[in-house]
Structures are given as structure tokens and as C-alpha cells.
């Protein structure tokens, strides 16, 4: 094995680490959105069905039926949960690749072989 092989494996490992960081950031963002939407859902459930509810669209508040607002928030929570599951699966896979040590072990062995030369 050559120094080029070692460099290539190092690049692969750094790429995995970068992907893991991005996946972790995405997961954190989704968790924040989920918490916010769950709070909105709780607030909407506490509101009387005849109460006026407004939705912020750009700089304008638009009146919305309470039932429609509840439905929209439930759908948003479902969507966020499905995205969160996908992201958690990706994160787990990437953690497995980086933490299993396959790439770092390969780098170590390539480095040892290079030292023998």
C-alpha cells in the first residue's frame, strides 16, 4: 500500500465524519421543530373550537379555522417524525461506519505497511 492509499482512506474518513456532523445537525433541527409544533398543538387543543386562530404568512396574519389549524399542525408533526426517523437511521449508519473503526483501522494498517517500506 502506498501513501496515496493512506491519503485516500483519510479522505474517506473525514468525509464520513462530515456527513455524520451534517446528519446530527439535521436531527437537532428536526427535534427543535418537533418540540415547537408539539407546543403549538397543545395550545390549539386548549383553545375553544369557536376561538379565532391566526396563521402567520410572511408579514401578514391570516384567519384560519381552529380545526384546520389543528389538522395542519398534526400533519406537520407526522412529517417531522417521519423525517426524524430517516435522519436517525442515517445517523446510526454513519456512526456505525465511523465508530466501528473500519476506516480508521484500515488507515492504521496502511500506515504500518508504509513504515515497513
PDB file of N, CA and C in Angstrom:
ATOM      1  N   UNK A   1       0.837  -1.185   0.000  1.00  0.00           N
ATOM      2  CA  UNK A   1       0.000   0.000   0.000  1.00  0.00           C
ATOM      3  C   UNK A   1       0.883   1.249   0.000  1.00  0.00           C
ATOM      4  N   UNK A   2       0.375   2.247  -0.638  1.00  0.00           N
ATOM      5  CA  UNK A   2       1.156   3.470  -0.811  1.00  0.00           C
ATOM      6  C   UNK A   2       0.613   4.595   0.056  1.00  0.00           C
ATOM      7  N   UNK A   3       1.348   5.691   0.026  1.00  0.00           N
ATOM      8  CA  UNK A   3       0.914   6.883   0.747  1.00  0.00           C
ATOM      9  C   UNK A   3      -0.394   7.410   0.148  1.00  0.00           C
ATOM     10  N   UNK A   4      -0.577   7.181  -1.151  1.00  0.00           N
ATOM     11  CA  UNK A   4      -1.819   7.611  -1.798  1.00  0.00           C
ATOM     12  C   UNK A   4      -3.019   6.852  -1.236  1.00  0.00           C
ATOM     13  N   UNK A   5      -2.826   5.554  -0.969  1.00  0.00           N
ATOM     14  CA  UNK A   5      -3.898   4.762  -0.370  1.00  0.00           C
ATOM     15  C   UNK A   5      -4.244   5.302   1.017  1.00  0.00           C
ATOM     16  N   UNK A   6      -3.199   5.648   1.749  1.00  0.00           N
ATOM     17  CA  UNK A   6      -3.395   6.190   3.094  1.00  0.00           C
ATOM     18  C   UNK A   6      -4.149   7.513   3.027  1.00  0.00           C
ATOM     19  N   UNK A   7      -3.768   8.364   2.109  1.00  0.00           N
ATOM     20  CA  UNK A   7      -4.448   9.643   1.950  1.00  0.00           C
ATOM     21  C   UNK A   7      -5.897   9.444   1.533  1.00  0.00           C
ATOM     22  N   UNK A   8      -6.130   8.489   0.638  1.00  0.00           N
ATOM     23  CA  UNK A   8      -7.484   8.201   0.170  1.00  0.00           C
ATOM     24  C   UNK A   8      -8.367   7.741   1.327  1.00  0.00           C
ATOM     25  N   UNK A   9      -7.856   6.855   2.154  1.00  0.00           N
ATOM     26  CA  UNK A   9      -8.619   6.377   3.313  1.00  0.00           C
ATOM     27  C   UNK A   9      -8.868   7.508   4.303  1.00  0.00           C
ATOM     28  N   UNK A  10      -7.882   8.379   4.466  1.00  0.00           N
ATOM     29  CA  UNK A  10      -8.059   9.539   5.343  1.00  0.00           C
ATOM     30  C   UNK A  10      -9.163  10.450   4.843  1.00  0.00           C
ATOM     31  N   UNK A  11      -9.216  10.655   3.524  1.00  0.00           N
ATOM     32  CA  UNK A  11     -10.276  11.473   2.935  1.00  0.00           C
ATOM     33  C   UNK A  11     -11.644  10.829   3.148  1.00  0.00           C
ATOM     34  N   UNK A  12     -11.696   9.511   2.985  1.00  0.00           N
ATOM     35  CA  UNK A  12     -12.965   8.803   3.196  1.00  0.00           C
ATOM     36  C   UNK A  12     -13.440   8.981   4.633  1.00  0.00           C
ATOM     37  N   UNK A  13     -12.511   8.870   5.572  1.00  0.00           N
ATOM     38  CA  UNK A  13     -12.863   9.001   6.986  1.00  0.00           C
ATOM     39  C   UNK A  13     -13.349  10.416   7.292  1.00  0.00           C
ATOM     40  N   UNK A  14     -12.646  11.424   6.780  1.00  0.00           N
ATOM     41  CA  UNK A  14     -13.068  12.818   7.007  1.00  0.00           C
ATOM     42  C   UNK A  14     -14.440  13.070   6.378  1.00  0.00           C
ATOM     43  N   UNK A  15     -14.677  12.467   5.217  1.00  0.00           N
ATOM     44  CA  UNK A  15     -15.976  12.611   4.555  1.00  0.00           C
ATOM     45  C   UNK A  15     -17.081  11.998   5.416  1.00  0.00           C
ATOM     46  N   UNK A  16     -16.821  10.827   5.980  1.00  0.00           N
ATOM     47  CA  UNK A  16     -17.801  10.192   6.867  1.00  0.00           C
ATOM     48  C   UNK A  16     -18.077  11.060   8.082  1.00  0.00           C
ATOM     49  N   UNK A  17     -17.023  11.627   8.642  1.00  0.00           N
ATOM     50  CA  UNK A  17     -17.192  12.489   9.811  1.00  0.00           C
ATOM     51  C   UNK A  17     -18.031  13.718   9.462  1.00  0.00           C
ATOM     52  N   UNK A  18     -17.780  14.303   8.291  1.00  0.00           N
ATOM     53  CA  UNK A  18     -18.544  15.481   7.863  1.00  0.00           C
ATOM     54  C   UNK A  18     -20.013  15.120   7.660  1.00  0.00           C
ATOM     55  N   UNK A  19     -20.271  13.969   7.040  1.00  0.00           N
ATOM     56  CA  UNK A  19     -21.650  13.519   6.832  1.00  0.00           C
ATOM     57  C   UNK A  19     -22.345  13.289   8.169  1.00  0.00           C
ATOM     58  N   UNK A  20     -21.616  12.730   9.128  1.00  0.00           N
ATOM     59  CA  UNK A  20     -22.169  12.483  10.461  1.00  0.00           C
ATOM     60  C   UNK A  20     -22.522  13.800  11.144  1.00  0.00           C
ATOM     61  N   UNK A  21     -21.654  14.801  11.027  1.00  0.00           N
ATOM     62  CA  UNK A  21     -21.930  16.109  11.613  1.00  0.00           C
ATOM     63  C   UNK A  21     -23.176  16.740  10.986  1.00  0.00           C
ATOM     64  N   UNK A  22     -23.284  16.650   9.660  1.00  0.00           N
ATOM     65  CA  UNK A  22     -24.446  17.209   8.965  1.00  0.00           C
ATOM     66  C   UNK A  22     -25.727  16.489   9.382  1.00  0.00           C
ATOM     67  N   UNK A  23     -25.657  15.181   9.498  1.00  0.00           N
ATOM     68  CA  UNK A  23     -26.822  14.400   9.904  1.00  0.00           C
ATOM     69  C   UNK A  23     -27.232  14.752  11.333  1.00  0.00           C
ATOM     70  N   UNK A  24     -26.256  14.949  12.195  1.00  0.00           N
ATOM     71  CA  UNK A  24     -26.535  15.311  13.584  1.00  0.00           C
ATOM     72  C   UNK A  24     -27.179  16.697  13.657  1.00  0.00           C
ATOM     73  N   UNK A  25     -26.684  17.642  12.849  1.00  0.00           N
ATOM     74  CA  UNK A  25     -27.288  18.984  12.817  1.00  0.00           C
ATOM     75  C   UNK A  25     -28.730  18.920  12.321  1.00  0.00           C
ATOM     76  N   UNK A  26     -28.964  18.114  11.291  1.00  0.00           N
ATOM     77  CA  UNK A  26     -30.317  17.970  10.752  1.00  0.00           C
ATOM     78  C   UNK A  26     -31.242  17.376  11.813  1.00  0.00           C
ATOM     79  N   UNK A  27     -30.745  16.391  12.550  1.00  0.00           N
ATOM     80  CA  UNK A  27     -31.541  15.756  13.606  1.00  0.00           C
ATOM     81  C   UNK A  27     -31.893  16.778  14.688  1.00  0.00           C
ATOM     82  N   UNK A  28     -30.925  17.591  15.093  1.00  0.00           N
ATOM     83  CA  UNK A  28     -31.174  18.608  16.114  1.00  0.00           C
ATOM     84  C   UNK A  28     -32.223  19.619  15.637  1.00  0.00           C
ATOM     85  N   UNK A  29     -32.130  20.021  14.372  1.00  0.00           N
ATOM     86  CA  UNK A  29     -33.087  20.970  13.809  1.00  0.00           C
ATOM     87  C   UNK A  29     -34.496  20.368  13.796  1.00  0.00           C
ATOM     88  N   UNK A  30     -34.592  19.104  13.399  1.00  0.00           N
ATOM     89  CA  UNK A  30     -35.895  18.435  13.377  1.00  0.00           C
ATOM     90  C   UNK A  30     -36.476  18.296  14.777  1.00  0.00           C
ATOM     91  N   UNK A  31     -35.635  17.990  15.755  1.00  0.00           N
ATOM     92  CA  UNK A  31     -36.110  17.871  17.138  1.00  0.00           C
ATOM     93  C   UNK A  31     -36.643  19.214  17.645  1.00  0.00           C
ATOM     94  N   UNK A  32     -35.965  20.291  17.281  1.00  0.00           N
ATOM     95  CA  UNK A  32     -36.428  21.627  17.672  1.00  0.00           C
ATOM     96  C   UNK A  32     -37.782  21.922  17.037  1.00  0.00           C
ATOM     97  N   UNK A  33     -37.911  21.624  15.746  1.00  0.00           N
ATOM     98  CA  UNK A  33     -39.180  21.849  15.054  1.00  0.00           C
ATOM     99  C   UNK A  33     -40.293  20.991  15.652  1.00  0.00           C
ATOM    100  N   UNK A  34     -39.958  19.751  15.989  1.00  0.00           N
ATOM    101  CA  UNK A  34     -40.949  18.859  16.593  1.00  0.00           C
ATOM    102  C   UNK A  34     -41.437  19.418  17.925  1.00  0.00           C
ATOM    103  N   UNK A  35     -40.517  19.864  18.765  1.00  0.00           N
ATOM    104  CA  UNK A  35     -40.897  20.435  20.065  1.00  0.00           C
ATOM    105  C   UNK A  35     -41.776  21.668  19.892  1.00  0.00           C
ATOM    106  N   UNK A  36     -41.403  22.536  18.953  1.00  0.00           N
ATOM    107  CA  UNK A  36     -42.198  23.737  18.709  1.00  0.00           C
ATOM    108  C   UNK A  36     -43.613  23.379  18.256  1.00  0.00           C
ATOM    109  N   UNK A  37     -43.711  22.434  17.337  1.00  0.00           N
ATOM    110  CA  UNK A  37     -45.018  22.047  16.813  1.00  0.00           C
ATOM    111  C   UNK A  37     -45.857  21.317  17.861  1.00  0.00           C
ATOM    112  N   UNK A  38     -45.217  20.566  18.730  1.00  0.00           N
ATOM    113  CA  UNK A  38     -45.950  19.909  19.814  1.00  0.00           C
ATOM    114  C   UNK A  38     -46.516  20.946  20.783  1.00  0.00           C
ATOM    115  N   UNK A  39     -45.753  21.992  21.039  1.00  0.00           N
ATOM    116  CA  UNK A  39     -46.254  23.077  21.898  1.00  0.00           C
ATOM    117  C   UNK A  39     -47.444  23.775  21.244  1.00  0.00           C
ATOM    118  N   UNK A  40     -47.343  24.030  19.938  1.00  0.00           N
ATOM    119  CA  UNK A  40     -48.456  24.658  19.209  1.00  0.00           C
ATOM    120  C   UNK A  40     -49.673  23.751  19.268  1.00  0.00           C
ATOM    121  N   UNK A  41     -49.467  22.459  19.096  1.00  0.00           N
ATOM    122  CA  UNK A  41     -50.578  21.502  19.147  1.00  0.00           C
ATOM    123  C   UNK A  41     -51.262  21.526  20.511  1.00  0.00           C
ATOM    124  N   UNK A  42     -50.478  21.571  21.565  1.00  0.00           N
ATOM    125  CA  UNK A  42     -51.047  21.633  22.917  1.00  0.00           C
ATOM    126  C   UNK A  42     -51.855  22.905  23.108  1.00  0.00           C
ATOM    127  N   UNK A  43     -51.322  24.013  22.608  1.00  0.00           N
ATOM    128  CA  UNK A  43     -52.036  25.288  22.723  1.00  0.00           C
ATOM    129  C   UNK A  43     -53.348  25.253  21.936  1.00  0.00           C
ATOM    130  N   UNK A  44     -53.306  24.677  20.734  1.00  0.00           N
ATOM    131  CA  UNK A  44     -54.518  24.605  19.916  1.00  0.00           C
ATOM    132  C   UNK A  44     -55.571  23.697  20.540  1.00  0.00           C
ATOM    133  N   UNK A  45     -55.140  22.644  21.220  1.00  0.00           N
ATOM    134  CA  UNK A  45     -56.090  21.742  21.876  1.00  0.00           C
ATOM    135  C   UNK A  45     -56.771  22.438  23.053  1.00  0.00           C
ATOM    136  N   UNK A  46     -56.070  23.386  23.665  1.00  0.00           N
ATOM    137  CA  UNK A  46     -56.633  24.109  24.808  1.00  0.00           C
ATOM    138  C   UNK A  46     -57.589  25.229  24.371  1.00  0.00           C
ATOM    139  N   UNK A  47     -57.533  25.580  23.102  1.00  0.00           N
ATOM    140  CA  UNK A  47     -58.360  26.668  22.577  1.00  0.00           C
ATOM    141  C   UNK A  47     -59.755  26.141  22.249  1.00  0.00           C
ATOM    142  N   UNK A  48     -60.760  26.954  22.555  1.00  0.00           N
ATOM    143  CA  UNK A  48     -62.140  26.620  22.212  1.00  0.00           C
ATOM    144  C   UNK A  48     -62.291  26.568  20.699  1.00  0.00           C
ATOM    145  N   UNK A  49     -63.116  25.670  20.205  1.00  0.00           N
ATOM    146  CA  UNK A  49     -63.298  25.484  18.759  1.00  0.00           C
ATOM    147  C   UNK A  49     -63.826  26.738  18.072  1.00  0.00           C
ATOM    148  N   UNK A  50     -64.521  27.589  18.814  1.00  0.00           N
ATOM    149  CA  UNK A  50     -65.072  28.804  18.205  1.00  0.00           C
ATOM    150  C   UNK A  50     -64.092  29.982  18.249  1.00  0.00           C
ATOM    151  N   UNK A  51     -62.952  29.790  18.883  1.00  0.00           N
ATOM    152  CA  UNK A  51     -61.967  30.871  19.003  1.00  0.00           C
ATOM    153  C   UNK A  51     -61.327  31.175  17.652  1.00  0.00           C
ATOM    154  N   UNK A  52     -60.896  32.417  17.499  1.00  0.00           N
ATOM    155  CA  UNK A  52     -60.213  32.795  16.267  1.00  0.00           C
ATOM    156  C   UNK A  52     -58.747  32.414  16.378  1.00  0.00           C
ATOM    157  N   UNK A  53     -58.252  31.790  15.307  1.00  0.00           N
ATOM    158  CA  UNK A  53     -56.845  31.395  15.241  1.00  0.00           C
ATOM    159  C   UNK A  53     -56.265  32.059  14.000  1.00  0.00           C
ATOM    160  N   UNK A  54     -55.051  32.548  14.131  1.00  0.00           N
ATOM    161  CA  UNK A  54     -54.396  33.212  13.011  1.00  0.00           C
ATOM    162  C   UNK A  54     -53.103  32.496  12.668  1.00  0.00           C
ATOM    163  N   UNK A  55     -52.796  32.518  11.383  1.00  0.00           N
ATOM    164  CA  UNK A  55     -51.581  31.901  10.872  1.00  0.00           C
ATOM    165  C   UNK A  55     -50.719  33.011  10.285  1.00  0.00           C
ATOM    166  N   UNK A  56     -49.437  33.000  10.628  1.00  0.00           N
ATOM    167  CA  UNK A  56     -48.507  33.998  10.114  1.00  0.00           C
ATOM    168  C   UNK A  56     -48.002  33.537   8.748  1.00  0.00           C
ATOM    169  N   UNK A  57     -48.314  34.308   7.720  1.00  0.00           N
ATOM    170  CA  UNK A  57     -47.856  34.024   6.364  1.00  0.00           C
ATOM    171  C   UNK A  57     -47.051  35.238   5.921  1.00  0.00           C
ATOM    172  N   UNK A  58     -45.745  35.088   5.931  1.00  0.00           N
ATOM    173  CA  UNK A  58     -44.890  36.242   5.656  1.00  0.00           C
ATOM    174  C   UNK A  58     -45.103  37.269   6.745  1.00  0.00           C
ATOM    175  N   UNK A  59     -45.365  38.525   6.387  1.00  0.00           N
ATOM    176  CA  UNK A  59     -45.583  39.558   7.403  1.00  0.00           C
ATOM    177  C   UNK A  59     -47.058  39.743   7.778  1.00  0.00           C
ATOM    178  N   UNK A  60     -47.932  38.840   7.303  1.00  0.00           N
ATOM    179  CA  UNK A  60     -49.370  39.024   7.475  1.00  0.00           C
ATOM    180  C   UNK A  60     -49.972  37.892   8.310  1.00  0.00           C
ATOM    181  N   UNK A  61     -50.901  38.263   9.208  1.00  0.00           N
ATOM    182  CA  UNK A  61     -51.662  37.271   9.958  1.00  0.00           C
ATOM    183  C   UNK A  61     -52.959  36.988   9.210  1.00  0.00           C
ATOM    184  N   UNK A  62     -53.223  35.704   8.968  1.00  0.00           N
ATOM    185  CA  UNK A  62     -54.420  35.307   8.226  1.00  0.00           C
ATOM    186  C   UNK A  62     -55.285  34.437   9.139  1.00  0.00           C
ATOM    187  N   UNK A  63     -56.586  34.755   9.176  1.00  0.00           N
ATOM    188  CA  UNK A  63     -57.520  33.973   9.987  1.00  0.00           C
ATOM    189  C   UNK A  63     -57.606  32.550   9.439  1.00  0.00           C
ATOM    190  N   UNK A  64     -57.710  31.593  10.370  1.00  0.00           N
ATOM    191  CA  UNK A  64     -57.779  30.188   9.977  1.00  0.00           C
ATOM    192  C   UNK A  64     -58.737  29.475  10.931  1.00  0.00           C
ATOM    193  N   UNK A  65     -59.486  28.518  10.405  1.00  0.00           N
ATOM    194  CA  UNK A  65     -60.370  27.717  11.247  1.00  0.00           C
ATOM    195  C   UNK A  65     -59.527  26.945  12.255  1.00  0.00           C
ATOM    196  N   UNK A  66     -60.020  26.858  13.475  1.00  0.00           N
ATOM    197  CA  UNK A  66     -59.295  26.136  14.518  1.00  0.00           C
ATOM    198  C   UNK A  66     -59.072  24.684  14.128  1.00  0.00           C
ATOM    199  N   UNK A  67     -60.088  24.047  13.576  1.00  0.00           N
ATOM    200  CA  UNK A  67     -59.953  22.637  13.179  1.00  0.00           C
ATOM    201  C   UNK A  67     -58.914  22.474  12.079  1.00  0.00           C
ATOM    202  N   UNK A  68     -58.874  23.424  11.153  1.00  0.00           N
ATOM    203  CA  UNK A  68     -57.884  23.364  10.070  1.00  0.00           C
ATOM    204  C   UNK A  68     -56.471  23.552  10.636  1.00  0.00           C
ATOM    205  N   UNK A  69     -56.329  24.481  11.568  1.00  0.00           N
ATOM    206  CA  UNK A  69     -55.026  24.716  12.192  1.00  0.00           C
ATOM    207  C   UNK A  69     -54.554  23.466  12.935  1.00  0.00           C
ATOM    208  N   UNK A  70     -55.456  22.832  13.681  1.00  0.00           N
ATOM    209  CA  UNK A  70     -55.100  21.602  14.396  1.00  0.00           C
ATOM    210  C   UNK A  70     -54.659  20.513  13.430  1.00  0.00           C
ATOM    211  N   UNK A  71     -55.410  20.367  12.340  1.00  0.00           N
ATOM    212  CA  UNK A  71     -55.094  19.362  11.329  1.00  0.00           C
ATOM    213  C   UNK A  71     -53.723  19.625  10.696  1.00  0.00           C
ATOM    214  N   UNK A  72     -53.467  20.879  10.353  1.00  0.00           N
ATOM    215  CA  UNK A  72     -52.181  21.237   9.749  1.00  0.00           C
ATOM    216  C   UNK A  72     -51.012  20.938  10.680  1.00  0.00           C
ATOM    217  N   UNK A  73     -51.179  21.254  11.946  1.00  0.00           N
ATOM    218  CA  UNK A  73     -50.103  21.013  12.910  1.00  0.00           C
ATOM    219  C   UNK A  73     -49.888  19.506  13.098  1.00  0.00           C
ATOM    220  N   UNK A  74     -50.980  18.732  13.151  1.00  0.00           N
ATOM    221  CA  UNK A  74     -50.840  17.267  13.269  1.00  0.00           C
ATOM    222  C   UNK A  74     -50.082  16.689  12.078  1.00  0.00           C
ATOM    223  N   UNK A  75     -50.429  17.171  10.876  1.00  0.00           N
ATOM    224  CA  UNK A  75     -49.745  16.700   9.668  1.00  0.00           C
ATOM    225  C   UNK A  75     -48.272  17.080   9.698  1.00  0.00           C
ATOM    226  N   UNK A  76     -47.990  18.284  10.158  1.00  0.00           N
ATOM    227  CA  UNK A  76     -46.608  18.740  10.247  1.00  0.00           C
ATOM    228  C   UNK A  76     -45.826  17.879  11.230  1.00  0.00           C
ATOM    229  N   UNK A  77     -46.440  17.535  12.352  1.00  0.00           N
ATOM    230  CA  UNK A  77     -45.782  16.685  13.350  1.00  0.00           C
ATOM    231  C   UNK A  77     -45.515  15.297  12.758  1.00  0.00           C
ATOM    232  N   UNK A  78     -46.470  14.758  12.022  1.00  0.00           N
ATOM    233  CA  UNK A  78     -46.274  13.455  11.380  1.00  0.00           C
ATOM    234  C   UNK A  78     -45.113  13.506  10.392  1.00  0.00           C
ATOM    235  N   UNK A  79     -45.068  14.569   9.590  1.00  0.00           N
ATOM    236  CA  UNK A  79     -43.997  14.716   8.613  1.00  0.00           C
ATOM    237  C   UNK A  79     -42.643  14.825   9.311  1.00  0.00           C
ATOM    238  N   UNK A  80     -42.567  15.650  10.341  1.00  0.00           N
ATOM    239  CA  UNK A  80     -41.304  15.828  11.074  1.00  0.00           C
ATOM    240  C   UNK A  80     -40.875  14.500  11.687  1.00  0.00           C
ATOM    241  N   UNK A  81     -41.826  13.751  12.256  1.00  0.00           N
ATOM    242  CA  UNK A  81     -41.488  12.446  12.833  1.00  0.00           C
ATOM    243  C   UNK A  81     -40.932  11.490  11.785  1.00  0.00           C
ATOM    244  N   UNK A  82     -41.519  11.481  10.581  1.00  0.00           N
ATOM    245  CA  UNK A  82     -41.009  10.587   9.538  1.00  0.00           C
ATOM    246  C   UNK A  82     -39.614  11.017   9.089  1.00  0.00           C
ATOM    247  N   UNK A  83     -39.386  12.318   8.964  1.00  0.00           N
ATOM    248  CA  UNK A  83     -38.058  12.817   8.601  1.00  0.00           C
ATOM    249  C   UNK A  83     -37.042  12.513   9.702  1.00  0.00           C
ATOM    250  N   UNK A  84     -37.495  12.605  10.937  1.00  0.00           N
ATOM    251  CA  UNK A  84     -36.627  12.320  12.076  1.00  0.00           C
ATOM    252  C   UNK A  84     -36.197  10.855  12.079  1.00  0.00           C
ATOM    253  N   UNK A  85     -37.124   9.955  11.768  1.00  0.00           N
ATOM    254  CA  UNK A  85     -36.782   8.529  11.700  1.00  0.00           C
ATOM    255  C   UNK A  85     -35.747   8.262  10.617  1.00  0.00           C
ATOM    256  N   UNK A  86     -35.928   8.890   9.451  1.00  0.00           N
ATOM    257  CA  UNK A  86     -34.954   8.728   8.367  1.00  0.00           C
ATOM    258  C   UNK A  86     -33.583   9.250   8.789  1.00  0.00           C
ATOM    259  N   UNK A  87     -33.584  10.422   9.399  1.00  0.00           N
ATOM    260  CA  UNK A  87     -32.328  11.042   9.811  1.00  0.00           C
ATOM    261  C   UNK A  87     -31.639  10.218  10.893  1.00  0.00           C
ATOM    262  N   UNK A  88     -32.417   9.681  11.841  1.00  0.00           N
ATOM    263  CA  UNK A  88     -31.830   8.840  12.890  1.00  0.00           C
ATOM    264  C   UNK A  88     -31.221   7.582  12.292  1.00  0.00           C
ATOM    265  N   UNK A  89     -31.871   7.004  11.290  1.00  0.00           N
ATOM    266  CA  UNK A  89     -31.325   5.822  10.628  1.00  0.00           C
ATOM    267  C   UNK A  89     -30.013   6.168   9.924  1.00  0.00           C
ATOM    268  N   UNK A  90     -29.993   7.309   9.241  1.00  0.00           N
ATOM    269  CA  UNK A  90     -28.765   7.748   8.571  1.00  0.00           C
ATOM    270  C   UNK A  90     -27.647   7.983   9.584  1.00  0.00           C
ATOM    271  N   UNK A  91     -27.988   8.653  10.671  1.00  0.00           N
ATOM    272  CA  UNK A  91     -27.002   8.952  11.703  1.00  0.00           C
ATOM    273  C   UNK A  91     -26.450   7.666  12.304  1.00  0.00           C
ATOM    274  N   UNK A  92     -27.317   6.713  12.589  1.00  0.00           N
ATOM    275  CA  UNK A  92     -26.876   5.438  13.158  1.00  0.00           C
ATOM    276  C   UNK A  92     -25.942   4.703  12.201  1.00  0.00           C
ATOM    277  N   UNK A  93     -26.292   4.719  10.919  1.00  0.00           N
ATOM    278  CA  UNK A  93     -25.451   4.063   9.916  1.00  0.00           C
ATOM    279  C   UNK A  93     -24.075   4.730   9.839  1.00  0.00           C
ATOM    280  N   UNK A  94     -24.067   6.053   9.811  1.00  0.00           N
ATOM    281  CA  UNK A  94     -22.795   6.776   9.738  1.00  0.00           C
ATOM    282  C   UNK A  94     -21.967   6.577  10.998  1.00  0.00           C
ATOM    283  N   UNK A  95     -22.628   6.569  12.158  1.00  0.00           N
ATOM    284  CA  UNK A  95     -21.908   6.313  13.410  1.00  0.00           C
ATOM    285  C   UNK A  95     -21.285   4.927  13.380  1.00  0.00           C
ATOM    286  N   UNK A  96     -22.034   3.967  12.842  1.00  0.00           N
ATOM    287  CA  UNK A  96     -21.506   2.617  12.736  1.00  0.00           C
ATOM    288  C   UNK A  96     -20.268   2.562  11.871  1.00  0.00           C
ATOM    289  N   UNK A  97     -20.289   3.290  10.762  1.00  0.00           N
ATOM    290  CA  UNK A  97     -19.136   3.288   9.861  1.00  0.00           C
ATOM    291  C   UNK A  97     -17.929   3.961  10.491  1.00  0.00           C
ATOM    292  N   UNK A  98     -18.152   5.082  11.171  1.00  0.00           N
ATOM    293  CA  UNK A  98     -17.014   5.799  11.747  1.00  0.00           C
ATOM    294  C   UNK A  98     -16.555   5.185  13.059  1.00  0.00           C
ATOM    295  N   UNK A  99     -17.503   4.780  13.896  1.00  0.00           N
ATOM    296  CA  UNK A  99     -17.123   4.248  15.199  1.00  0.00           C
ATOM    297  C   UNK A  99     -16.698   2.787  15.152  1.00  0.00           C
ATOM    298  N   UNK A 100     -17.132   2.074  14.130  1.00  0.00           N
ATOM    299  CA  UNK A 100     -16.726   0.674  14.033  1.00  0.00           C
ATOM    300  C   UNK A 100     -15.230   0.587  13.787  1.00  0.00           C
ATOM    301  N   UNK A 101     -14.697   1.690  13.312  1.00  0.00           N
ATOM    302  CA  UNK A 101     -13.259   1.726  13.118  1.00  0.00           C
ATOM    303  C   UNK A 101     -12.789   1.094  11.831  1.00  0.00           C
ATOM    304  N   UNK A 102     -13.696   0.765  10.922  1.00  0.00           N
ATOM    305  CA  UNK A 102     -13.265   0.145   9.674  1.00  0.00           C
ATOM    306  C   UNK A 102     -12.289   1.044   8.932  1.00  0.00           C
ATOM    307  N   UNK A 103     -12.657   2.282   8.738  1.00  0.00           N
ATOM    308  CA  UNK A 103     -11.769   3.199   8.031  1.00  0.00           C
ATOM    309  C   UNK A 103     -10.547   3.530   8.876  1.00  0.00           C
ATOM    310  N   UNK A 104     -10.708   3.889  10.169  1.00  0.00           N
ATOM    311  CA  UNK A 104      -9.516   4.174  10.970  1.00  0.00           C
ATOM    312  C   UNK A 104      -8.569   2.963  11.071  1.00  0.00           C
ATOM    313  N   UNK A 105      -9.142   1.756  11.183  1.00  0.00           N
ATOM    314  CA  UNK A 105      -8.309   0.556  11.245  1.00  0.00           C
ATOM    315  C   UNK A 105      -7.533   0.359   9.957  1.00  0.00           C
ATOM    316  N   UNK A 106      -8.206   0.589   8.848  1.00  0.00           N
ATOM    317  CA  UNK A 106      -7.563   0.448   7.548  1.00  0.00           C
ATOM    318  C   UNK A 106      -6.437   1.464   7.423  1.00  0.00           C
ATOM    319  N   UNK A 107      -6.689   2.684   7.870  1.00  0.00           N
ATOM    320  CA  UNK A 107      -5.657   3.723   7.844  1.00  0.00           C
ATOM    321  C   UNK A 107      -4.471   3.293   8.699  1.00  0.00           C
ATOM    322  N   UNK A 108      -4.748   2.756   9.872  1.00  0.00           N
ATOM    323  CA  UNK A 108      -3.682   2.310  10.769  1.00  0.00           C
ATOM    324  C   UNK A 108      -2.828   1.245  10.104  1.00  0.00           C
ATOM    325  N   UNK A 109      -3.476   0.249   9.479  1.00  0.00           N
ATOM    326  CA  UNK A 109      -2.747  -0.837   8.828  1.00  0.00           C
ATOM    327  C   UNK A 109      -1.958  -0.330   7.618  1.00  0.00           C
ATOM    328  N   UNK A 110      -2.542   0.591   6.861  1.00  0.00           N
ATOM    329  CA  UNK A 110      -1.823   1.154   5.726  1.00  0.00           C
ATOM    330  C   UNK A 110      -0.601   1.928   6.194  1.00  0.00           C
ATOM    331  N   UNK A 111      -0.767   2.643   7.290  1.00  0.00           N
ATOM    332  CA  UNK A 111       0.346   3.418   7.838  1.00  0.00           C
ATOM    333  C   UNK A 111       1.453   2.482   8.306  1.00  0.00           C
ATOM    334  N   UNK A 112       1.092   1.363   8.953  1.00  0.00           N
ATOM    335  CA  UNK A 112       2.082   0.395   9.420  1.00  0.00           C
ATOM    336  C   UNK A 112       2.819  -0.229   8.233  1.00  0.00           C
ATOM    337  N   UNK A 113       2.075  -0.550   7.183  1.00  0.00           N
ATOM    338  CA  UNK A 113       2.704  -1.122   5.985  1.00  0.00           C
ATOM    339  C   UNK A 113       3.663  -0.126   5.344  1.00  0.00           C
ATOM    340  N   UNK A 114       3.277   1.128   5.375  1.00  0.00           N
ATOM    341  CA  UNK A 114       4.147   2.168   4.789  1.00  0.00           C
ATOM    342  C   UNK A 114       5.429   2.288   5.588  1.00  0.00           C
ATOM    343  N   UNK A 115       5.336   2.154   6.919  1.00  0.00           N
ATOM    344  CA  UNK A 115       6.526   2.244   7.763  1.00  0.00           C
ATOM    345  C   UNK A 115       7.481   1.101   7.476  1.00  0.00           C
ATOM    346  N   UNK A 116       6.955  -0.076   7.131  1.00  0.00           N
ATOM    347  CA  UNK A 116       7.808  -1.227   6.837  1.00  0.00           C
ATOM    348  C   UNK A 116       8.647  -0.995   5.584  1.00  0.00           C
ATOM    349  N   UNK A 117       8.116  -0.214   4.665  1.00  0.00           N
ATOM    350  CA  UNK A 117       8.816   0.057   3.414  1.00  0.00           C
ATOM    351  C   UNK A 117       9.906   1.007   3.654  1.00  0.00           C
TER     352      UNK A 117
END
